[in-house]
């Protein structure tokens, strides 16, 4: 895109001072001088200017880089289609899709999601289909009068018996890293009565908590029952080491935001002292008293 902008500026003005281009653009234009002779670089006063020598050749060269002009594209084209037309690369500018398909399940009865036009019983859809889905975009009006839990791994989305018996609300599966459209959607307006995120206990997980916490102040981090013993017995040092920098950066910013409860601070200290991370799926593992005694010796 830098190449296209530099050529567009030259096409419009034909003589342009070198200082108006970035270092990368200057390097590209210098290479173009050597390869094609379409433009030149000459000294003028105390500086240098790029000057078009052959405007038709420049226009043809620009056409190869940018097959279509902005004026040739209709306003309703998807962004990635526009990028292909303008830059021959769907991911060149703003590659993010404008919508996101939200996978969610209801736990309990009469869990509804609604907007100005629709009122959907997610509980019924979960019973009938096993899952529900919403097409969301940042500024839509979907919301629920129930709590919302975001989980990182599919195993916990497949089987929801790890939730408290009295939980009545929605569970969203986000898979690895929270999509930017989903994140913007969560932060755009109130979507639920409470927000809980249950990630892996590692750098990626804490970074996802940080990203949600930036847009939702009242976001809670889910702590696995008996997490301290489970971290000691089932914790993994490789998971900790792989994402330690991400973990430290996330914790630092969360601390600056006053977003850490005392128990969450305890979890962080324990992870740092043990050098271990813990995956979500440990939520189903039980620890008997003999194991606790052995670990304490």
C-alpha atoms as a PDB file:
ATOM      1  CA  UNK A   1       0.000   0.000   0.000  1.00  0.00           C
ATOM      2  CA  UNK A   2       2.924   2.382   0.677  1.00  0.00           C
ATOM      3  CA  UNK A   3       4.054   1.808  -2.899  1.00  0.00           C
ATOM      4  CA  UNK A   4       0.621   2.675  -4.282  1.00  0.00           C
ATOM      5  CA  UNK A   5       0.300   5.831  -2.182  1.00  0.00           C
ATOM      6  CA  UNK A   6       3.704   7.075  -3.291  1.00  0.00           C
ATOM      7  CA  UNK A   7       2.847   6.548  -6.978  1.00  0.00           C
ATOM      8  CA  UNK A   8      -0.578   8.130  -6.557  1.00  0.00           C
ATOM      9  CA  UNK A   9       1.051  11.238  -5.085  1.00  0.00           C
ATOM     10  CA  UNK A  10       3.519  11.415  -7.970  1.00  0.00           C
ATOM     11  CA  UNK A  11       0.739  10.902 -10.504  1.00  0.00           C
ATOM     12  CA  UNK A  12      -1.227  13.784  -8.985  1.00  0.00           C
ATOM     13  CA  UNK A  13       1.625  16.291  -8.556  1.00  0.00           C
ATOM     14  CA  UNK A  14       4.377  14.922 -10.881  1.00  0.00           C
ATOM     15  CA  UNK A  15       7.102  16.713  -8.881  1.00  0.00           C
ATOM     16  CA  UNK A  16       7.320  15.904  -5.165  1.00  0.00           C
ATOM     17  CA  UNK A  17      10.025  16.631  -2.581  1.00  0.00           C
ATOM     18  CA  UNK A  18      11.733  13.532  -1.204  1.00  0.00           C
ATOM     19  CA  UNK A  19      10.980  14.486   2.400  1.00  0.00           C
ATOM     20  CA  UNK A  20       7.248  13.895   1.851  1.00  0.00           C
ATOM     21  CA  UNK A  21       7.851  10.156   1.478  1.00  0.00           C
ATOM     22  CA  UNK A  22       8.615   7.642   4.200  1.00  0.00           C
ATOM     23  CA  UNK A  23      11.951   5.805   4.238  1.00  0.00           C
ATOM     24  CA  UNK A  24      10.279   2.677   2.827  1.00  0.00           C
ATOM     25  CA  UNK A  25       8.590   4.689   0.076  1.00  0.00           C
ATOM     26  CA  UNK A  26      11.877   6.382  -0.802  1.00  0.00           C
ATOM     27  CA  UNK A  27      13.575   2.997  -1.093  1.00  0.00           C
ATOM     28  CA  UNK A  28      10.802   1.757  -3.374  1.00  0.00           C
ATOM     29  CA  UNK A  29      10.997   4.880  -5.577  1.00  0.00           C
ATOM     30  CA  UNK A  30      14.798   4.632  -5.773  1.00  0.00           C
ATOM     31  CA  UNK A  31      14.468   1.014  -6.951  1.00  0.00           C
ATOM     32  CA  UNK A  32      11.852   2.112  -9.495  1.00  0.00           C
ATOM     33  CA  UNK A  33      14.276   4.685 -10.900  1.00  0.00           C
ATOM     34  CA  UNK A  34      16.912   2.004 -11.442  1.00  0.00           C
ATOM     35  CA  UNK A  35      14.498  -0.552 -12.888  1.00  0.00           C
ATOM     36  CA  UNK A  36      12.245   1.525 -15.144  1.00  0.00           C
ATOM     37  CA  UNK A  37      13.344   5.125 -15.546  1.00  0.00           C
ATOM     38  CA  UNK A  38       9.702   6.219 -15.156  1.00  0.00           C
ATOM     39  CA  UNK A  39      10.722   8.793 -12.553  1.00  0.00           C
ATOM     40  CA  UNK A  40      13.914  10.592 -11.593  1.00  0.00           C
ATOM     41  CA  UNK A  41      15.507  11.985  -8.436  1.00  0.00           C
ATOM     42  CA  UNK A  42      17.232  15.346  -8.773  1.00  0.00           C
ATOM     43  CA  UNK A  43      18.699  17.910  -6.407  1.00  0.00           C
ATOM     44  CA  UNK A  44      16.681  21.068  -5.911  1.00  0.00           C
ATOM     45  CA  UNK A  45      17.865  23.749  -3.525  1.00  0.00           C
ATOM     46  CA  UNK A  46      18.869  22.153  -0.247  1.00  0.00           C
ATOM     47  CA  UNK A  47      16.933  18.964  -0.933  1.00  0.00           C
ATOM     48  CA  UNK A  48      15.850  16.462  -3.572  1.00  0.00           C
ATOM     49  CA  UNK A  49      12.712  15.974  -5.616  1.00  0.00           C
ATOM     50  CA  UNK A  50      11.170  13.014  -7.370  1.00  0.00           C
ATOM     51  CA  UNK A  51       9.879  13.916 -10.820  1.00  0.00           C
ATOM     52  CA  UNK A  52       7.726  11.977 -13.277  1.00  0.00           C
ATOM     53  CA  UNK A  53       9.448  11.431 -16.631  1.00  0.00           C
ATOM     54  CA  UNK A  54       6.797   9.299 -18.359  1.00  0.00           C
ATOM     55  CA  UNK A  55       3.283   9.829 -16.940  1.00  0.00           C
ATOM     56  CA  UNK A  56       1.681   7.168 -19.163  1.00  0.00           C
ATOM     57  CA  UNK A  57       4.201   4.544 -18.058  1.00  0.00           C
ATOM     58  CA  UNK A  58       3.642   5.570 -14.433  1.00  0.00           C
ATOM     59  CA  UNK A  59      -0.134   5.190 -14.817  1.00  0.00           C
ATOM     60  CA  UNK A  60       0.300   1.752 -16.388  1.00  0.00           C
ATOM     61  CA  UNK A  61       2.651   0.685 -13.618  1.00  0.00           C
ATOM     62  CA  UNK A  62       0.176   1.899 -10.995  1.00  0.00           C
ATOM     63  CA  UNK A  63      -2.609  -0.027 -12.747  1.00  0.00           C
ATOM     64  CA  UNK A  64      -0.608  -3.247 -12.367  1.00  0.00           C
ATOM     65  CA  UNK A  65      -0.317  -2.646  -8.636  1.00  0.00           C
ATOM     66  CA  UNK A  66      -3.918  -1.459  -8.202  1.00  0.00           C
ATOM     67  CA  UNK A  67      -6.276  -3.093 -10.735  1.00  0.00           C
ATOM     68  CA  UNK A  68      -9.281  -0.986  -9.721  1.00  0.00           C
ATOM     69  CA  UNK A  69      -9.716   2.553  -8.502  1.00  0.00           C
ATOM     70  CA  UNK A  70     -11.766   3.279  -5.381  1.00  0.00           C
ATOM     71  CA  UNK A  71     -14.397   4.966  -7.578  1.00  0.00           C
ATOM     72  CA  UNK A  72     -14.927   1.693  -9.472  1.00  0.00           C
ATOM     73  CA  UNK A  73     -15.979  -0.247  -6.360  1.00  0.00           C
ATOM     74  CA  UNK A  74     -19.540  -0.327  -5.048  1.00  0.00           C
ATOM     75  CA  UNK A  75     -20.128   0.685  -1.461  1.00  0.00           C
ATOM     76  CA  UNK A  76     -21.654  -2.683  -0.451  1.00  0.00           C
ATOM     77  CA  UNK A  77     -18.613  -4.804  -1.328  1.00  0.00           C
ATOM     78  CA  UNK A  78     -17.080  -6.832   1.543  1.00  0.00           C
ATOM     79  CA  UNK A  79     -13.838  -5.274   2.777  1.00  0.00           C
ATOM     80  CA  UNK A  80     -11.719  -8.210   1.640  1.00  0.00           C
ATOM     81  CA  UNK A  81     -13.135  -7.997  -1.868  1.00  0.00           C
ATOM     82  CA  UNK A  82     -12.282  -4.291  -1.911  1.00  0.00           C
ATOM     83  CA  UNK A  83      -8.742  -5.123  -0.817  1.00  0.00           C
ATOM     84  CA  UNK A  84      -8.317  -7.575  -3.707  1.00  0.00           C
ATOM     85  CA  UNK A  85      -9.607  -5.004  -6.182  1.00  0.00           C
ATOM     86  CA  UNK A  86      -7.394  -2.241  -4.830  1.00  0.00           C
ATOM     87  CA  UNK A  87      -4.275  -4.122  -3.725  1.00  0.00           C
ATOM     88  CA  UNK A  88      -4.583  -7.704  -5.084  1.00  0.00           C
ATOM     89  CA  UNK A  89      -4.420  -8.869  -1.458  1.00  0.00           C
ATOM     90  CA  UNK A  90      -7.504  -9.532   0.689  1.00  0.00           C
ATOM     91  CA  UNK A  91      -5.535  -8.909   3.893  1.00  0.00           C
ATOM     92  CA  UNK A  92      -3.821  -5.681   2.835  1.00  0.00           C
ATOM     93  CA  UNK A  93      -6.024  -3.194   4.720  1.00  0.00           C
ATOM     94  CA  UNK A  94      -8.413  -3.926   7.571  1.00  0.00           C
ATOM     95  CA  UNK A  95      -8.633  -7.681   6.815  1.00  0.00           C
ATOM     96  CA  UNK A  96     -11.048  -8.296   9.673  1.00  0.00           C
ATOM     97  CA  UNK A  97     -14.529  -9.445   8.714  1.00  0.00           C
ATOM     98  CA  UNK A  98     -17.311  -7.103   9.766  1.00  0.00           C
ATOM     99  CA  UNK A  99     -19.416  -9.885  11.300  1.00  0.00           C
ATOM    100  CA  UNK A 100     -18.653 -12.785  13.624  1.00  0.00           C
ATOM    101  CA  UNK A 101     -20.633 -15.984  14.132  1.00  0.00           C
ATOM    102  CA  UNK A 102     -21.111 -16.456  17.834  1.00  0.00           C
ATOM    103  CA  UNK A 103     -21.396 -20.035  19.145  1.00  0.00           C
ATOM    104  CA  UNK A 104     -23.275 -20.213  22.411  1.00  0.00           C
ATOM    105  CA  UNK A 105     -25.198 -22.576  24.650  1.00  0.00           C
ATOM    106  CA  UNK A 106     -27.771 -21.911  27.310  1.00  0.00           C
ATOM    107  CA  UNK A 107     -27.574 -23.440  30.766  1.00  0.00           C
ATOM    108  CA  UNK A 108     -30.918 -23.524  32.536  1.00  0.00           C
ATOM    109  CA  UNK A 109     -34.385 -22.528  31.398  1.00  0.00           C
ATOM    110  CA  UNK A 110     -35.691 -19.450  29.605  1.00  0.00           C
ATOM    111  CA  UNK A 111     -32.379 -17.945  28.582  1.00  0.00           C
ATOM    112  CA  UNK A 112     -33.231 -15.413  25.882  1.00  0.00           C
ATOM    113  CA  UNK A 113     -31.201 -13.204  23.567  1.00  0.00           C
ATOM    114  CA  UNK A 114     -33.053 -10.301  22.011  1.00  0.00           C
ATOM    115  CA  UNK A 115     -32.712  -7.149  19.952  1.00  0.00           C
ATOM    116  CA  UNK A 116     -35.195  -4.629  18.568  1.00  0.00           C
ATOM    117  CA  UNK A 117     -36.785  -7.198  16.269  1.00  0.00           C
ATOM    118  CA  UNK A 118     -36.132 -10.691  17.662  1.00  0.00           C
ATOM    119  CA  UNK A 119     -36.507 -12.582  20.909  1.00  0.00           C
ATOM    120  CA  UNK A 120     -34.728 -15.962  20.747  1.00  0.00           C
ATOM    121  CA  UNK A 121     -35.045 -18.699  23.353  1.00  0.00           C
ATOM    122  CA  UNK A 122     -31.483 -20.009  23.467  1.00  0.00           C
ATOM    123  CA  UNK A 123     -32.479 -22.648  26.021  1.00  0.00           C
ATOM    124  CA  UNK A 124     -34.863 -24.284  23.553  1.00  0.00           C
ATOM    125  CA  UNK A 125     -32.351 -24.075  20.712  1.00  0.00           C
ATOM    126  CA  UNK A 126     -29.670 -25.685  22.882  1.00  0.00           C
ATOM    127  CA  UNK A 127     -32.014 -28.577  23.716  1.00  0.00           C
ATOM    128  CA  UNK A 128     -33.130 -29.029  20.111  1.00  0.00           C
ATOM    129  CA  UNK A 129     -29.852 -28.390  18.281  1.00  0.00           C
ATOM    130  CA  UNK A 130     -27.127 -28.822  20.884  1.00  0.00           C
ATOM    131  CA  UNK A 131     -25.917 -25.278  20.245  1.00  0.00           C
ATOM    132  CA  UNK A 132     -27.159 -21.866  19.159  1.00  0.00           C
ATOM    133  CA  UNK A 133     -25.548 -19.183  17.029  1.00  0.00           C
ATOM    134  CA  UNK A 134     -25.875 -15.449  16.459  1.00  0.00           C
ATOM    135  CA  UNK A 135     -24.395 -13.367  13.670  1.00  0.00           C
ATOM    136  CA  UNK A 136     -23.029 -10.344  15.503  1.00  0.00           C
ATOM    137  CA  UNK A 137     -21.377  -7.066  14.551  1.00  0.00           C
ATOM    138  CA  UNK A 138     -20.018  -4.331  16.758  1.00  0.00           C
ATOM    139  CA  UNK A 139     -22.992  -1.962  16.830  1.00  0.00           C
ATOM    140  CA  UNK A 140     -25.904  -4.419  16.862  1.00  0.00           C
ATOM    141  CA  UNK A 141     -28.434  -4.626  19.716  1.00  0.00           C
ATOM    142  CA  UNK A 142     -28.216  -8.261  20.824  1.00  0.00           C
ATOM    143  CA  UNK A 143     -28.340  -8.654  24.599  1.00  0.00           C
ATOM    144  CA  UNK A 144     -29.511 -10.974  27.349  1.00  0.00           C
ATOM    145  CA  UNK A 145     -30.904 -10.592  30.860  1.00  0.00           C
ATOM    146  CA  UNK A 146     -28.686 -13.442  32.049  1.00  0.00           C
ATOM    147  CA  UNK A 147     -24.968 -13.859  32.868  1.00  0.00           C
ATOM    148  CA  UNK A 148     -22.448 -14.702  30.172  1.00  0.00           C
ATOM    149  CA  UNK A 149     -19.409 -16.979  30.458  1.00  0.00           C
ATOM    150  CA  UNK A 150     -16.607 -17.028  27.865  1.00  0.00           C
ATOM    151  CA  UNK A 151     -14.509 -20.193  27.668  1.00  0.00           C
ATOM    152  CA  UNK A 152     -11.322 -20.850  25.739  1.00  0.00           C
ATOM    153  CA  UNK A 153     -11.381 -24.600  25.018  1.00  0.00           C
ATOM    154  CA  UNK A 154     -13.996 -26.701  23.241  1.00  0.00           C
ATOM    155  CA  UNK A 155     -14.003 -29.542  25.779  1.00  0.00           C
ATOM    156  CA  UNK A 156     -15.616 -27.245  28.344  1.00  0.00           C
ATOM    157  CA  UNK A 157     -18.133 -26.080  25.760  1.00  0.00           C
ATOM    158  CA  UNK A 158     -19.016 -29.677  24.895  1.00  0.00           C
ATOM    159  CA  UNK A 159     -19.668 -30.578  28.513  1.00  0.00           C
ATOM    160  CA  UNK A 160     -20.947 -27.947  30.906  1.00  0.00           C
ATOM    161  CA  UNK A 161     -21.208 -29.917  34.165  1.00  0.00           C
ATOM    162  CA  UNK A 162     -18.258 -27.953  35.584  1.00  0.00           C
ATOM    163  CA  UNK A 163     -20.518 -24.928  36.042  1.00  0.00           C
ATOM    164  CA  UNK A 164     -22.180 -24.294  39.427  1.00  0.00           C
ATOM    165  CA  UNK A 165     -25.507 -26.103  39.804  1.00  0.00           C
ATOM    166  CA  UNK A 166     -27.416 -22.835  40.116  1.00  0.00           C
ATOM    167  CA  UNK A 167     -25.916 -21.205  37.019  1.00  0.00           C
ATOM    168  CA  UNK A 168     -28.551 -19.898  34.614  1.00  0.00           C
ATOM    169  CA  UNK A 169     -27.184 -18.102  31.574  1.00  0.00           C
ATOM    170  CA  UNK A 170     -25.157 -18.363  28.364  1.00  0.00           C
ATOM    171  CA  UNK A 171     -21.758 -19.875  27.597  1.00  0.00           C
ATOM    172  CA  UNK A 172     -19.713 -18.663  24.614  1.00  0.00           C
ATOM    173  CA  UNK A 173     -16.837 -20.590  23.057  1.00  0.00           C
ATOM    174  CA  UNK A 174     -14.155 -18.276  21.690  1.00  0.00           C
ATOM    175  CA  UNK A 175     -11.322 -20.699  20.911  1.00  0.00           C
ATOM    176  CA  UNK A 176      -7.737 -19.660  21.665  1.00  0.00           C
ATOM    177  CA  UNK A 177      -7.725 -15.900  21.195  1.00  0.00           C
ATOM    178  CA  UNK A 178     -10.823 -13.739  21.359  1.00  0.00           C
ATOM    179  CA  UNK A 179     -11.778 -12.458  17.916  1.00  0.00           C
ATOM    180  CA  UNK A 180     -11.551  -8.666  17.571  1.00  0.00           C
ATOM    181  CA  UNK A 181     -15.132  -8.373  16.306  1.00  0.00           C
ATOM    182  CA  UNK A 182     -16.356 -10.315  19.353  1.00  0.00           C
ATOM    183  CA  UNK A 183     -14.271  -8.098  21.621  1.00  0.00           C
ATOM    184  CA  UNK A 184     -15.619  -4.892  20.056  1.00  0.00           C
ATOM    185  CA  UNK A 185     -19.147  -6.287  20.266  1.00  0.00           C
ATOM    186  CA  UNK A 186     -18.752  -7.049  23.970  1.00  0.00           C
ATOM    187  CA  UNK A 187     -17.503  -3.544  24.680  1.00  0.00           C
ATOM    188  CA  UNK A 188     -19.961  -1.643  22.494  1.00  0.00           C
ATOM    189  CA  UNK A 189     -22.940  -1.847  24.883  1.00  0.00           C
ATOM    190  CA  UNK A 190     -24.131  -3.993  27.819  1.00  0.00           C
ATOM    191  CA  UNK A 191     -24.725  -7.519  26.496  1.00  0.00           C
ATOM    192  CA  UNK A 192     -25.480  -9.456  29.692  1.00  0.00           C
ATOM    193  CA  UNK A 193     -26.014  -9.014  33.410  1.00  0.00           C
ATOM    194  CA  UNK A 194     -22.577 -10.393  34.328  1.00  0.00           C
ATOM    195  CA  UNK A 195     -19.391 -11.372  32.482  1.00  0.00           C
ATOM    196  CA  UNK A 196     -17.090 -14.214  33.454  1.00  0.00           C
ATOM    197  CA  UNK A 197     -14.076 -15.353  31.455  1.00  0.00           C
ATOM    198  CA  UNK A 198     -12.593 -18.807  32.035  1.00  0.00           C
ATOM    199  CA  UNK A 199      -9.281 -19.102  30.167  1.00  0.00           C
ATOM    200  CA  UNK A 200      -6.293 -21.375  30.539  1.00  0.00           C
ATOM    201  CA  UNK A 201      -3.999 -20.254  33.325  1.00  0.00           C
ATOM    202  CA  UNK A 202      -1.124 -19.123  31.110  1.00  0.00           C
ATOM    203  CA  UNK A 203       0.047 -16.080  29.163  1.00  0.00           C
ATOM    204  CA  UNK A 204      -2.554 -16.414  26.424  1.00  0.00           C
ATOM    205  CA  UNK A 205      -5.327 -16.855  28.980  1.00  0.00           C
ATOM    206  CA  UNK A 206      -4.329 -13.850  31.064  1.00  0.00           C
ATOM    207  CA  UNK A 207      -3.888 -11.759  27.929  1.00  0.00           C
ATOM    208  CA  UNK A 208      -7.459 -12.618  26.877  1.00  0.00           C
ATOM    209  CA  UNK A 209      -8.686 -11.633  30.335  1.00  0.00           C
ATOM    210  CA  UNK A 210      -6.838  -8.335  29.971  1.00  0.00           C
ATOM    211  CA  UNK A 211      -8.371  -7.680  26.544  1.00  0.00           C
ATOM    212  CA  UNK A 212     -11.890  -8.279  27.876  1.00  0.00           C
ATOM    213  CA  UNK A 213     -11.192  -6.274  31.028  1.00  0.00           C
ATOM    214  CA  UNK A 214     -10.187  -3.288  28.889  1.00  0.00           C
ATOM    215  CA  UNK A 215     -13.686  -3.120  27.408  1.00  0.00           C
ATOM    216  CA  UNK A 216     -15.744  -4.515  30.322  1.00  0.00           C
ATOM    217  CA  UNK A 217     -14.765  -3.241  33.748  1.00  0.00           C
ATOM    218  CA  UNK A 218     -17.097  -5.647  35.559  1.00  0.00           C
ATOM    219  CA  UNK A 219     -15.484  -8.760  34.088  1.00  0.00           C
ATOM    220  CA  UNK A 220     -14.653 -11.628  36.442  1.00  0.00           C
ATOM    221  CA  UNK A 221     -11.895 -14.241  36.138  1.00  0.00           C
ATOM    222  CA  UNK A 222     -13.126 -17.787  36.804  1.00  0.00           C
ATOM    223  CA  UNK A 223     -11.127 -19.607  39.454  1.00  0.00           C
ATOM    224  CA  UNK A 224     -11.182 -23.418  39.357  1.00  0.00           C
ATOM    225  CA  UNK A 225     -12.298 -24.927  42.678  1.00  0.00           C
ATOM    226  CA  UNK A 226      -9.211 -26.121  44.583  1.00  0.00           C
ATOM    227  CA  UNK A 227      -7.004 -24.441  41.980  1.00  0.00           C
ATOM    228  CA  UNK A 228      -3.956 -24.292  44.248  1.00  0.00           C
ATOM    229  CA  UNK A 229      -3.726 -28.056  44.683  1.00  0.00           C
ATOM    230  CA  UNK A 230      -4.534 -28.665  41.026  1.00  0.00           C
ATOM    231  CA  UNK A 231      -1.837 -26.241  39.908  1.00  0.00           C
ATOM    232  CA  UNK A 232       0.668 -28.029  42.133  1.00  0.00           C
ATOM    233  CA  UNK A 233      -0.271 -31.516  40.947  1.00  0.00           C
ATOM    234  CA  UNK A 234      -1.283 -30.973  37.310  1.00  0.00           C
ATOM    235  CA  UNK A 235       0.535 -27.735  36.455  1.00  0.00           C
ATOM    236  CA  UNK A 236       2.816 -27.708  33.408  1.00  0.00           C
ATOM    237  CA  UNK A 237       6.097 -25.780  33.284  1.00  0.00           C
ATOM    238  CA  UNK A 238       6.227 -25.803  29.458  1.00  0.00           C
ATOM    239  CA  UNK A 239       2.874 -23.992  29.266  1.00  0.00           C
ATOM    240  CA  UNK A 240       4.256 -21.388  31.657  1.00  0.00           C
ATOM    241  CA  UNK A 241       7.531 -20.897  29.793  1.00  0.00           C
ATOM    242  CA  UNK A 242       5.975 -20.729  26.321  1.00  0.00           C
ATOM    243  CA  UNK A 243       3.947 -17.625  27.187  1.00  0.00           C
ATOM    244  CA  UNK A 244       5.781 -16.139  30.152  1.00  0.00           C
ATOM    245  CA  UNK A 245       6.439 -12.739  28.543  1.00  0.00           C
ATOM    246  CA  UNK A 246       2.785 -12.447  27.531  1.00  0.00           C
ATOM    247  CA  UNK A 247       1.769 -13.426  31.072  1.00  0.00           C
ATOM    248  CA  UNK A 248       4.046 -10.838  32.710  1.00  0.00           C
ATOM    249  CA  UNK A 249       2.894  -8.040  30.402  1.00  0.00           C
ATOM    250  CA  UNK A 250      -0.776  -8.864  30.984  1.00  0.00           C
ATOM    251  CA  UNK A 251      -0.357  -9.062  34.760  1.00  0.00           C
ATOM    252  CA  UNK A 252       1.485  -5.746  34.826  1.00  0.00           C
ATOM    253  CA  UNK A 253      -1.307  -3.950  32.980  1.00  0.00           C
ATOM    254  CA  UNK A 254      -4.052  -5.678  34.978  1.00  0.00           C
ATOM    255  CA  UNK A 255      -2.338  -4.566  38.166  1.00  0.00           C
ATOM    256  CA  UNK A 256      -2.110  -0.980  36.899  1.00  0.00           C
ATOM    257  CA  UNK A 257      -5.858  -1.142  36.189  1.00  0.00           C
ATOM    258  CA  UNK A 258      -6.589  -2.388  39.739  1.00  0.00           C
ATOM    259  CA  UNK A 259      -8.265  -5.382  38.091  1.00  0.00           C
ATOM    260  CA  UNK A 260      -6.770  -8.084  40.335  1.00  0.00           C
ATOM    261  CA  UNK A 261      -8.704  -9.482  43.276  1.00  0.00           C
ATOM    262  CA  UNK A 262      -6.794 -10.874  46.253  1.00  0.00           C
ATOM    263  CA  UNK A 263      -7.443 -14.463  45.171  1.00  0.00           C
ATOM    264  CA  UNK A 264      -6.369 -13.714  41.607  1.00  0.00           C
ATOM    265  CA  UNK A 265      -3.170 -12.138  42.974  1.00  0.00           C
ATOM    266  CA  UNK A 266      -2.643 -15.318  44.956  1.00  0.00           C
ATOM    267  CA  UNK A 267      -3.031 -17.400  41.780  1.00  0.00           C
ATOM    268  CA  UNK A 268      -0.518 -15.195  39.955  1.00  0.00           C
ATOM    269  CA  UNK A 269       2.043 -15.420  42.778  1.00  0.00           C
ATOM    270  CA  UNK A 270       1.629 -19.190  42.945  1.00  0.00           C
ATOM    271  CA  UNK A 271       2.119 -19.540  39.194  1.00  0.00           C
ATOM    272  CA  UNK A 272       5.229 -17.356  39.334  1.00  0.00           C
ATOM    273  CA  UNK A 273       6.716 -19.227  42.275  1.00  0.00           C
ATOM    274  CA  UNK A 274       6.007 -22.677  40.861  1.00  0.00           C
ATOM    275  CA  UNK A 275       6.767 -21.780  37.249  1.00  0.00           C
ATOM    276  CA  UNK A 276       3.678 -23.636  36.094  1.00  0.00           C
ATOM    277  CA  UNK A 277       0.572 -23.006  34.027  1.00  0.00           C
ATOM    278  CA  UNK A 278      -2.694 -24.922  34.181  1.00  0.00           C
ATOM    279  CA  UNK A 279      -5.142 -25.878  31.457  1.00  0.00           C
ATOM    280  CA  UNK A 280      -8.919 -25.503  31.735  1.00  0.00           C
ATOM    281  CA  UNK A 281      -9.638 -29.214  31.435  1.00  0.00           C
ATOM    282  CA  UNK A 282      -8.183 -29.794  34.898  1.00  0.00           C
ATOM    283  CA  UNK A 283     -11.509 -28.518  36.225  1.00  0.00           C
ATOM    284  CA  UNK A 284     -12.863 -32.108  36.102  1.00  0.00           C
ATOM    285  CA  UNK A 285      -9.946 -33.728  37.947  1.00  0.00           C
ATOM    286  CA  UNK A 286     -10.400 -34.522  41.605  1.00  0.00           C
ATOM    287  CA  UNK A 287      -7.648 -34.655  44.208  1.00  0.00           C
ATOM    288  CA  UNK A 288      -8.041 -37.060  47.119  1.00  0.00           C
ATOM    289  CA  UNK A 289      -6.745 -36.372  50.595  1.00  0.00           C
ATOM    290  CA  UNK A 290      -3.736 -38.716  50.267  1.00  0.00           C
ATOM    291  CA  UNK A 291      -2.491 -36.753  47.243  1.00  0.00           C
ATOM    292  CA  UNK A 292      -2.816 -33.498  49.186  1.00  0.00           C
ATOM    293  CA  UNK A 293      -0.789 -34.971  52.079  1.00  0.00           C
ATOM    294  CA  UNK A 294       1.960 -36.228  49.759  1.00  0.00           C
ATOM    295  CA  UNK A 295       2.238 -32.805  48.104  1.00  0.00           C
ATOM    296  CA  UNK A 296       2.534 -31.069  51.470  1.00  0.00           C
ATOM    297  CA  UNK A 297       5.530 -33.166  52.597  1.00  0.00           C
END
